[in-house]
PDB file of all heavy atoms in Angstrom:
ATOM      1  N   LEU A   1      15.097  14.834 -17.812  1.00  0.00           N
ATOM      2  CA  LEU A   1      13.659  15.079 -17.483  1.00  0.00           C
ATOM      3  C   LEU A   1      12.874  15.884 -18.565  1.00  0.00           C
ATOM      4  O   LEU A   1      11.662  16.103 -18.436  1.00  0.00           O
ATOM      5  CB  LEU A   1      13.584  15.850 -16.138  1.00  0.00           C
ATOM      6  CG  LEU A   1      14.276  15.130 -14.969  1.00  0.00           C
ATOM      7  CD1 LEU A   1      14.187  16.008 -13.733  1.00  0.00           C
ATOM      8  CD2 LEU A   1      13.696  13.783 -14.726  1.00  0.00           C
ATOM      9  N   HIS A   2      13.556  16.219 -19.631  1.00  0.00           N
ATOM     10  CA  HIS A   2      12.955  17.025 -20.727  1.00  0.00           C
ATOM     11  C   HIS A   2      11.721  16.366 -21.194  1.00  0.00           C
ATOM     12  O   HIS A   2      11.717  15.144 -21.545  1.00  0.00           O
ATOM     13  CB  HIS A   2      13.910  17.275 -21.798  1.00  0.00           C
ATOM     14  CG  HIS A   2      14.861  18.369 -21.531  1.00  0.00           C
ATOM     15  ND1 HIS A   2      15.572  19.048 -22.521  1.00  0.00           N
ATOM     16  CD2 HIS A   2      15.251  18.927 -20.359  1.00  0.00           C
ATOM     17  CE1 HIS A   2      16.323  19.936 -22.000  1.00  0.00           C
ATOM     18  NE2 HIS A   2      16.170  19.927 -20.665  1.00  0.00           N
ATOM     19  N   GLY A   3      10.625  17.110 -21.201  1.00  0.00           N
ATOM     20  CA  GLY A   3       9.346  16.659 -21.772  1.00  0.00           C
ATOM     21  C   GLY A   3       8.481  15.811 -20.924  1.00  0.00           C
ATOM     22  O   GLY A   3       7.304  15.467 -21.278  1.00  0.00           O
ATOM     23  N   LYS A   4       8.969  15.486 -19.712  1.00  0.00           N
ATOM     24  CA  LYS A   4       8.152  14.664 -18.761  1.00  0.00           C
ATOM     25  C   LYS A   4       7.154  15.554 -18.065  1.00  0.00           C
ATOM     26  O   LYS A   4       7.547  16.626 -17.587  1.00  0.00           O
ATOM     27  CB  LYS A   4       9.070  13.950 -17.789  1.00  0.00           C
ATOM     28  CG  LYS A   4       9.927  12.907 -18.407  1.00  0.00           C
ATOM     29  CD  LYS A   4      10.698  12.123 -17.415  1.00  0.00           C
ATOM     30  CE  LYS A   4      11.601  11.100 -18.104  1.00  0.00           C
ATOM     31  NZ  LYS A   4      12.064  10.034 -17.265  1.00  0.00           N
ATOM     32  N   PRO A   5       5.909  15.189 -17.959  1.00  0.00           N
ATOM     33  CA  PRO A   5       4.955  15.890 -17.241  1.00  0.00           C
ATOM     34  C   PRO A   5       5.275  15.889 -15.745  1.00  0.00           C
ATOM     35  O   PRO A   5       5.685  14.896 -15.195  1.00  0.00           O
ATOM     36  CB  PRO A   5       3.602  15.219 -17.459  1.00  0.00           C
ATOM     37  CG  PRO A   5       3.811  14.415 -18.704  1.00  0.00           C
ATOM     38  CD  PRO A   5       5.260  14.031 -18.672  1.00  0.00           C
ATOM     39  N   LEU A   6       5.028  17.020 -15.074  1.00  0.00           N
ATOM     40  CA  LEU A   6       5.190  17.159 -13.615  1.00  0.00           C
ATOM     41  C   LEU A   6       3.800  17.587 -13.095  1.00  0.00           C
ATOM     42  O   LEU A   6       3.298  18.643 -13.392  1.00  0.00           O
ATOM     43  CB  LEU A   6       6.214  18.185 -13.197  1.00  0.00           C
ATOM     44  CG  LEU A   6       6.270  18.524 -11.700  1.00  0.00           C
ATOM     45  CD1 LEU A   6       6.586  17.283 -10.894  1.00  0.00           C
ATOM     46  CD2 LEU A   6       7.233  19.617 -11.415  1.00  0.00           C
ATOM     47  N   GLN A   7       3.243  16.711 -12.265  1.00  0.00           N
ATOM     48  CA  GLN A   7       1.953  16.941 -11.649  1.00  0.00           C
ATOM     49  C   GLN A   7       2.150  17.078 -10.121  1.00  0.00           C
ATOM     50  O   GLN A   7       2.673  16.131  -9.500  1.00  0.00           O
ATOM     51  CB  GLN A   7       0.932  15.791 -11.903  1.00  0.00           C
ATOM     52  CG  GLN A   7      -0.340  15.948 -11.252  1.00  0.00           C
ATOM     53  CD  GLN A   7      -1.163  17.102 -11.802  1.00  0.00           C
ATOM     54  OE1 GLN A   7      -1.630  17.072 -12.971  1.00  0.00           O
ATOM     55  NE2 GLN A   7      -1.433  18.121 -11.005  1.00  0.00           N
ATOM     56  N   LEU A   8       1.666  18.205  -9.538  1.00  0.00           N
ATOM     57  CA  LEU A   8       1.716  18.301  -8.095  1.00  0.00           C
ATOM     58  C   LEU A   8       0.310  17.988  -7.572  1.00  0.00           C
ATOM     59  O   LEU A   8      -0.688  18.378  -8.131  1.00  0.00           O
ATOM     60  CB  LEU A   8       2.055  19.780  -7.660  1.00  0.00           C
ATOM     61  CG  LEU A   8       3.387  20.385  -8.101  1.00  0.00           C
ATOM     62  CD1 LEU A   8       3.532  21.758  -7.470  1.00  0.00           C
ATOM     63  CD2 LEU A   8       4.562  19.526  -7.691  1.00  0.00           C
ATOM     64  N   VAL A   9       0.338  17.215  -6.454  1.00  0.00           N
ATOM     65  CA  VAL A   9      -0.915  16.914  -5.749  1.00  0.00           C
ATOM     66  C   VAL A   9      -0.613  17.396  -4.295  1.00  0.00           C
ATOM     67  O   VAL A   9       0.235  16.831  -3.558  1.00  0.00           O
ATOM     68  CB  VAL A   9      -1.259  15.425  -5.726  1.00  0.00           C
ATOM     69  CG1 VAL A   9      -2.459  15.170  -4.892  1.00  0.00           C
ATOM     70  CG2 VAL A   9      -1.472  14.964  -7.173  1.00  0.00           C
ATOM     71  N   VAL A  10      -1.229  18.466  -3.962  1.00  0.00           N
ATOM     72  CA  VAL A  10      -0.873  19.128  -2.699  1.00  0.00           C
ATOM     73  C   VAL A  10      -2.153  19.344  -1.844  1.00  0.00           C
ATOM     74  O   VAL A  10      -3.227  19.754  -2.248  1.00  0.00           O
ATOM     75  CB  VAL A  10      -0.329  20.584  -2.972  1.00  0.00           C
ATOM     76  CG1 VAL A  10       0.050  21.285  -1.672  1.00  0.00           C
ATOM     77  CG2 VAL A  10       0.930  20.448  -3.923  1.00  0.00           C
ATOM     78  N   SER A  11      -1.995  18.915  -0.554  1.00  0.00           N
ATOM     79  CA  SER A  11      -3.138  19.125   0.408  1.00  0.00           C
ATOM     80  C   SER A  11      -2.778  20.254   1.297  1.00  0.00           C
ATOM     81  O   SER A  11      -1.651  20.535   1.671  1.00  0.00           O
ATOM     82  CB  SER A  11      -3.307  17.850   1.232  1.00  0.00           C
ATOM     83  OG  SER A  11      -2.151  17.421   1.868  1.00  0.00           O
ATOM     84  N   THR A  12      -3.862  21.052   1.619  1.00  0.00           N
ATOM     85  CA  THR A  12      -3.693  22.199   2.510  1.00  0.00           C
ATOM     86  C   THR A  12      -4.712  22.090   3.614  1.00  0.00           C
ATOM     87  O   THR A  12      -5.845  21.670   3.431  1.00  0.00           O
ATOM     88  CB  THR A  12      -3.917  23.539   1.727  1.00  0.00           C
ATOM     89  OG1 THR A  12      -5.276  23.639   1.294  1.00  0.00           O
ATOM     90  CG2 THR A  12      -2.980  23.670   0.525  1.00  0.00           C
ATOM     91  N   GLY A  13      -4.312  22.514   4.803  1.00  0.00           N
ATOM     92  CA  GLY A  13      -5.228  22.500   5.930  1.00  0.00           C
ATOM     93  C   GLY A  13      -6.342  23.571   5.706  1.00  0.00           C
ATOM     94  O   GLY A  13      -7.502  23.341   5.927  1.00  0.00           O
ATOM     95  N   GLY A  14      -5.962  24.762   5.201  1.00  0.00           N
ATOM     96  CA  GLY A  14      -6.963  25.772   4.930  1.00  0.00           C
ATOM     97  C   GLY A  14      -7.739  25.493   3.632  1.00  0.00           C
ATOM     98  O   GLY A  14      -7.235  24.876   2.704  1.00  0.00           O
ATOM     99  N   ASP A  15      -8.922  26.059   3.535  1.00  0.00           N
ATOM    100  CA  ASP A  15      -9.738  25.862   2.421  1.00  0.00           C
ATOM    101  C   ASP A  15      -9.331  26.846   1.281  1.00  0.00           C
ATOM    102  O   ASP A  15      -8.442  27.697   1.514  1.00  0.00           O
ATOM    103  CB  ASP A  15     -11.233  26.025   2.732  1.00  0.00           C
ATOM    104  CG  ASP A  15     -11.648  27.324   3.243  1.00  0.00           C
ATOM    105  OD1 ASP A  15     -10.893  28.289   3.170  1.00  0.00           O
ATOM    106  OD2 ASP A  15     -12.712  27.450   3.847  1.00  0.00           O
ATOM    107  N   ARG A  16     -10.082  26.826   0.159  1.00  0.00           N
ATOM    108  CA  ARG A  16      -9.731  27.727  -0.950  1.00  0.00           C
ATOM    109  C   ARG A  16      -9.811  29.190  -0.592  1.00  0.00           C
ATOM    110  O   ARG A  16      -8.997  29.995  -1.016  1.00  0.00           O
ATOM    111  CB  ARG A  16     -10.699  27.403  -2.102  1.00  0.00           C
ATOM    112  CG  ARG A  16     -10.433  28.143  -3.382  1.00  0.00           C
ATOM    113  CD  ARG A  16     -11.296  27.654  -4.432  1.00  0.00           C
ATOM    114  NE  ARG A  16     -11.423  26.179  -4.403  1.00  0.00           N
ATOM    115  CZ  ARG A  16     -11.158  25.298  -5.342  1.00  0.00           C
ATOM    116  NH1 ARG A  16     -10.877  25.782  -6.508  1.00  0.00           N
ATOM    117  NH2 ARG A  16     -11.397  24.027  -5.180  1.00  0.00           N
ATOM    118  N   GLN A  17     -10.775  29.536   0.247  1.00  0.00           N
ATOM    119  CA  GLN A  17     -10.941  30.967   0.629  1.00  0.00           C
ATOM    120  C   GLN A  17      -9.727  31.393   1.500  1.00  0.00           C
ATOM    121  O   GLN A  17      -9.271  32.526   1.368  1.00  0.00           O
ATOM    122  CB  GLN A  17     -12.152  31.161   1.442  1.00  0.00           C
ATOM    123  CG  GLN A  17     -12.746  32.612   1.450  1.00  0.00           C
ATOM    124  CD  GLN A  17     -11.929  33.524   2.303  1.00  0.00           C
ATOM    125  OE1 GLN A  17     -11.395  33.176   3.360  1.00  0.00           O
ATOM    126  NE2 GLN A  17     -11.867  34.771   1.857  1.00  0.00           N
ATOM    127  N   ALA A  18      -9.181  30.507   2.325  1.00  0.00           N
ATOM    128  CA  ALA A  18      -8.030  30.845   3.098  1.00  0.00           C
ATOM    129  C   ALA A  18      -6.793  31.116   2.247  1.00  0.00           C
ATOM    130  O   ALA A  18      -5.954  31.891   2.596  1.00  0.00           O
ATOM    131  CB  ALA A  18      -7.713  29.737   4.081  1.00  0.00           C
ATOM    132  N   TYR A  19      -6.783  30.468   1.041  1.00  0.00           N
ATOM    133  CA  TYR A  19      -5.681  30.691   0.100  1.00  0.00           C
ATOM    134  C   TYR A  19      -6.206  31.576  -1.081  1.00  0.00           C
ATOM    135  O   TYR A  19      -6.326  31.187  -2.186  1.00  0.00           O
ATOM    136  CB  TYR A  19      -5.200  29.324  -0.431  1.00  0.00           C
ATOM    137  CG  TYR A  19      -4.325  28.664   0.585  1.00  0.00           C
ATOM    138  CD1 TYR A  19      -4.825  27.727   1.445  1.00  0.00           C
ATOM    139  CD2 TYR A  19      -2.905  28.969   0.641  1.00  0.00           C
ATOM    140  CE1 TYR A  19      -4.043  27.069   2.365  1.00  0.00           C
ATOM    141  CE2 TYR A  19      -2.139  28.354   1.577  1.00  0.00           C
ATOM    142  CZ  TYR A  19      -2.705  27.407   2.419  1.00  0.00           C
ATOM    143  OH  TYR A  19      -1.892  26.791   3.356  1.00  0.00           O
ATOM    144  N   SER A  20      -6.508  32.839  -0.705  1.00  0.00           N
ATOM    145  CA  SER A  20      -6.995  33.809  -1.683  1.00  0.00           C
ATOM    146  C   SER A  20      -6.396  35.168  -1.256  1.00  0.00           C
ATOM    147  O   SER A  20      -5.925  35.293  -0.105  1.00  0.00           O
ATOM    148  CB  SER A  20      -8.539  33.854  -1.762  1.00  0.00           C
ATOM    149  OG  SER A  20      -9.061  34.372  -0.564  1.00  0.00           O
ATOM    150  N   ALA A  21      -6.570  36.141  -2.059  1.00  0.00           N
ATOM    151  CA  ALA A  21      -6.035  37.494  -1.782  1.00  0.00           C
ATOM    152  C   ALA A  21      -6.706  38.069  -0.468  1.00  0.00           C
ATOM    153  O   ALA A  21      -6.143  38.829   0.259  1.00  0.00           O
ATOM    154  CB  ALA A  21      -6.267  38.454  -2.943  1.00  0.00           C
ATOM    155  N   GLN A  22      -8.021  37.676  -0.285  1.00  0.00           N
ATOM    156  CA  GLN A  22      -8.738  38.128   0.927  1.00  0.00           C
ATOM    157  C   GLN A  22      -8.611  37.221   2.078  1.00  0.00           C
ATOM    158  O   GLN A  22      -9.131  37.518   3.190  1.00  0.00           O
ATOM    159  CB  GLN A  22     -10.229  38.301   0.490  1.00  0.00           C
ATOM    160  CG  GLN A  22     -10.508  39.281  -0.569  1.00  0.00           C
ATOM    161  CD  GLN A  22     -10.148  38.760  -1.993  1.00  0.00           C
ATOM    162  OE1 GLN A  22     -10.224  37.562  -2.239  1.00  0.00           O
ATOM    163  NE2 GLN A  22      -9.730  39.678  -2.861  1.00  0.00           N
ATOM    164  N   GLY A  23      -8.026  36.061   1.869  1.00  0.00           N
ATOM    165  CA  GLY A  23      -8.009  35.026   2.941  1.00  0.00           C
ATOM    166  C   GLY A  23      -6.823  35.137   3.892  1.00  0.00           C
ATOM    167  O   GLY A  23      -5.941  36.013   3.724  1.00  0.00           O
ATOM    168  N   TYR A  24      -6.820  34.242   4.782  1.00  0.00           N
ATOM    169  CA  TYR A  24      -5.819  34.208   5.865  1.00  0.00           C
ATOM    170  C   TYR A  24      -4.378  34.235   5.336  1.00  0.00           C
ATOM    171  O   TYR A  24      -3.486  34.834   5.848  1.00  0.00           O
ATOM    172  CB  TYR A  24      -6.054  32.949   6.707  1.00  0.00           C
ATOM    173  CG  TYR A  24      -5.094  32.724   7.849  1.00  0.00           C
ATOM    174  CD1 TYR A  24      -5.212  33.483   8.989  1.00  0.00           C
ATOM    175  CD2 TYR A  24      -4.123  31.835   7.709  1.00  0.00           C
ATOM    176  CE1 TYR A  24      -4.306  33.269  10.001  1.00  0.00           C
ATOM    177  CE2 TYR A  24      -3.161  31.629   8.716  1.00  0.00           C
ATOM    178  CZ  TYR A  24      -3.300  32.342   9.905  1.00  0.00           C
ATOM    179  OH  TYR A  24      -2.420  32.187  10.928  1.00  0.00           O
ATOM    180  N   ASN A  25      -4.155  33.438   4.260  1.00  0.00           N
ATOM    181  CA  ASN A  25      -2.775  33.316   3.692  1.00  0.00           C
ATOM    182  C   ASN A  25      -2.418  34.348   2.666  1.00  0.00           C
ATOM    183  O   ASN A  25      -1.266  34.420   2.253  1.00  0.00           O
ATOM    184  CB  ASN A  25      -2.606  31.885   3.147  1.00  0.00           C
ATOM    185  CG  ASN A  25      -2.728  30.836   4.219  1.00  0.00           C
ATOM    186  OD1 ASN A  25      -1.942  30.785   5.079  1.00  0.00           O
ATOM    187  ND2 ASN A  25      -3.776  30.072   4.230  1.00  0.00           N
ATOM    188  N   ARG A  26      -3.406  35.076   2.204  1.00  0.00           N
ATOM    189  CA  ARG A  26      -3.209  36.277   1.310  1.00  0.00           C
ATOM    190  C   ARG A  26      -2.781  35.928  -0.108  1.00  0.00           C
ATOM    191  O   ARG A  26      -2.685  36.814  -0.920  1.00  0.00           O
ATOM    192  CB  ARG A  26      -2.257  37.276   1.884  1.00  0.00           C
ATOM    193  CG  ARG A  26      -2.689  37.715   3.321  1.00  0.00           C
ATOM    194  CD  ARG A  26      -2.310  39.087   3.498  1.00  0.00           C
ATOM    195  NE  ARG A  26      -2.803  39.478   4.807  1.00  0.00           N
ATOM    196  CZ  ARG A  26      -2.524  40.610   5.377  1.00  0.00           C
ATOM    197  NH1 ARG A  26      -1.737  41.400   4.818  1.00  0.00           N
ATOM    198  NH2 ARG A  26      -3.018  40.882   6.593  1.00  0.00           N
ATOM    199  N   TYR A  27      -2.515  34.668  -0.433  1.00  0.00           N
ATOM    200  CA  TYR A  27      -2.140  34.285  -1.763  1.00  0.00           C
ATOM    201  C   TYR A  27      -2.832  32.970  -2.185  1.00  0.00           C
ATOM    202  O   TYR A  27      -3.043  32.107  -1.307  1.00  0.00           O
ATOM    203  CB  TYR A  27      -0.592  34.092  -1.888  1.00  0.00           C
ATOM    204  CG  TYR A  27       0.141  35.325  -1.594  1.00  0.00           C
ATOM    205  CD1 TYR A  27       0.677  35.506  -0.308  1.00  0.00           C
ATOM    206  CD2 TYR A  27       0.406  36.253  -2.529  1.00  0.00           C
ATOM    207  CE1 TYR A  27       1.414  36.644  -0.033  1.00  0.00           C
ATOM    208  CE2 TYR A  27       1.119  37.418  -2.322  1.00  0.00           C
ATOM    209  CZ  TYR A  27       1.675  37.539  -0.987  1.00  0.00           C
ATOM    210  OH  TYR A  27       2.410  38.717  -0.772  1.00  0.00           O
ATOM    211  N   PRO A  28      -3.190  32.773  -3.357  1.00  0.00           N
ATOM    212  CA  PRO A  28      -3.643  31.515  -3.837  1.00  0.00           C
ATOM    213  C   PRO A  28      -2.566  30.435  -3.656  1.00  0.00           C
ATOM    214  O   PRO A  28      -1.395  30.702  -3.927  1.00  0.00           O
ATOM    215  CB  PRO A  28      -4.075  31.718  -5.319  1.00  0.00           C
ATOM    216  CG  PRO A  28      -4.098  33.148  -5.535  1.00  0.00           C
ATOM    217  CD  PRO A  28      -3.223  33.774  -4.479  1.00  0.00           C
ATOM    218  N   ALA A  29      -2.954  29.198  -3.378  1.00  0.00           N
ATOM    219  CA  ALA A  29      -1.924  28.162  -3.254  1.00  0.00           C
ATOM    220  C   ALA A  29      -1.172  27.967  -4.553  1.00  0.00           C
ATOM    221  O   ALA A  29       0.091  27.749  -4.458  1.00  0.00           O
ATOM    222  CB  ALA A  29      -2.632  26.844  -2.862  1.00  0.00           C
ATOM    223  N   ALA A  30      -1.770  28.087  -5.684  1.00  0.00           N
ATOM    224  CA  ALA A  30      -1.063  27.945  -6.955  1.00  0.00           C
ATOM    225  C   ALA A  30       0.069  28.949  -7.073  1.00  0.00           C
ATOM    226  O   ALA A  30       1.147  28.656  -7.592  1.00  0.00           O
ATOM    227  CB  ALA A  30      -2.012  28.080  -8.175  1.00  0.00           C
ATOM    228  N   ASP A  31      -0.116  30.192  -6.592  1.00  0.00           N
ATOM    229  CA  ASP A  31       0.951  31.169  -6.595  1.00  0.00           C
ATOM    230  C   ASP A  31       2.098  30.770  -5.650  1.00  0.00           C
ATOM    231  O   ASP A  31       3.247  30.982  -6.003  1.00  0.00           O
ATOM    232  CB  ASP A  31       0.427  32.556  -6.193  1.00  0.00           C
ATOM    233  CG  ASP A  31      -0.489  33.167  -7.204  1.00  0.00           C
ATOM    234  OD1 ASP A  31      -0.690  32.585  -8.315  1.00  0.00           O
ATOM    235  OD2 ASP A  31      -1.008  34.321  -6.992  1.00  0.00           O
ATOM    236  N   LEU A  32       1.788  30.210  -4.560  1.00  0.00           N
ATOM    237  CA  LEU A  32       2.807  29.843  -3.553  1.00  0.00           C
ATOM    238  C   LEU A  32       3.549  28.631  -4.070  1.00  0.00           C
ATOM    239  O   LEU A  32       4.700  28.329  -3.584  1.00  0.00           O
ATOM    240  CB  LEU A  32       2.125  29.545  -2.238  1.00  0.00           C
ATOM    241  CG  LEU A  32       1.497  30.770  -1.539  1.00  0.00           C
ATOM    242  CD1 LEU A  32       0.629  30.380  -0.388  1.00  0.00           C
ATOM    243  CD2 LEU A  32       2.546  31.758  -1.133  1.00  0.00           C
ATOM    244  N   LEU A  33       3.076  27.952  -5.069  1.00  0.00           N
ATOM    245  CA  LEU A  33       3.738  26.748  -5.627  1.00  0.00           C
ATOM    246  C   LEU A  33       4.599  27.146  -6.876  1.00  0.00           C
ATOM    247  O   LEU A  33       5.185  26.253  -7.482  1.00  0.00           O
ATOM    248  CB  LEU A  33       2.710  25.723  -6.055  1.00  0.00           C
ATOM    249  CG  LEU A  33       2.018  25.055  -4.888  1.00  0.00           C
ATOM    250  CD1 LEU A  33       0.775  24.209  -5.351  1.00  0.00           C
ATOM    251  CD2 LEU A  33       2.963  24.190  -4.088  1.00  0.00           C
TER     252      LEU A  33
END
């Protein structure tokens, strides 16, 4: 797999604000990935 790009396409029920330090989930989705 060396050198192959890996692209995640992830859907979340919560919006961007829900996935923030101040939001319901307390972490950005990118951090959880």
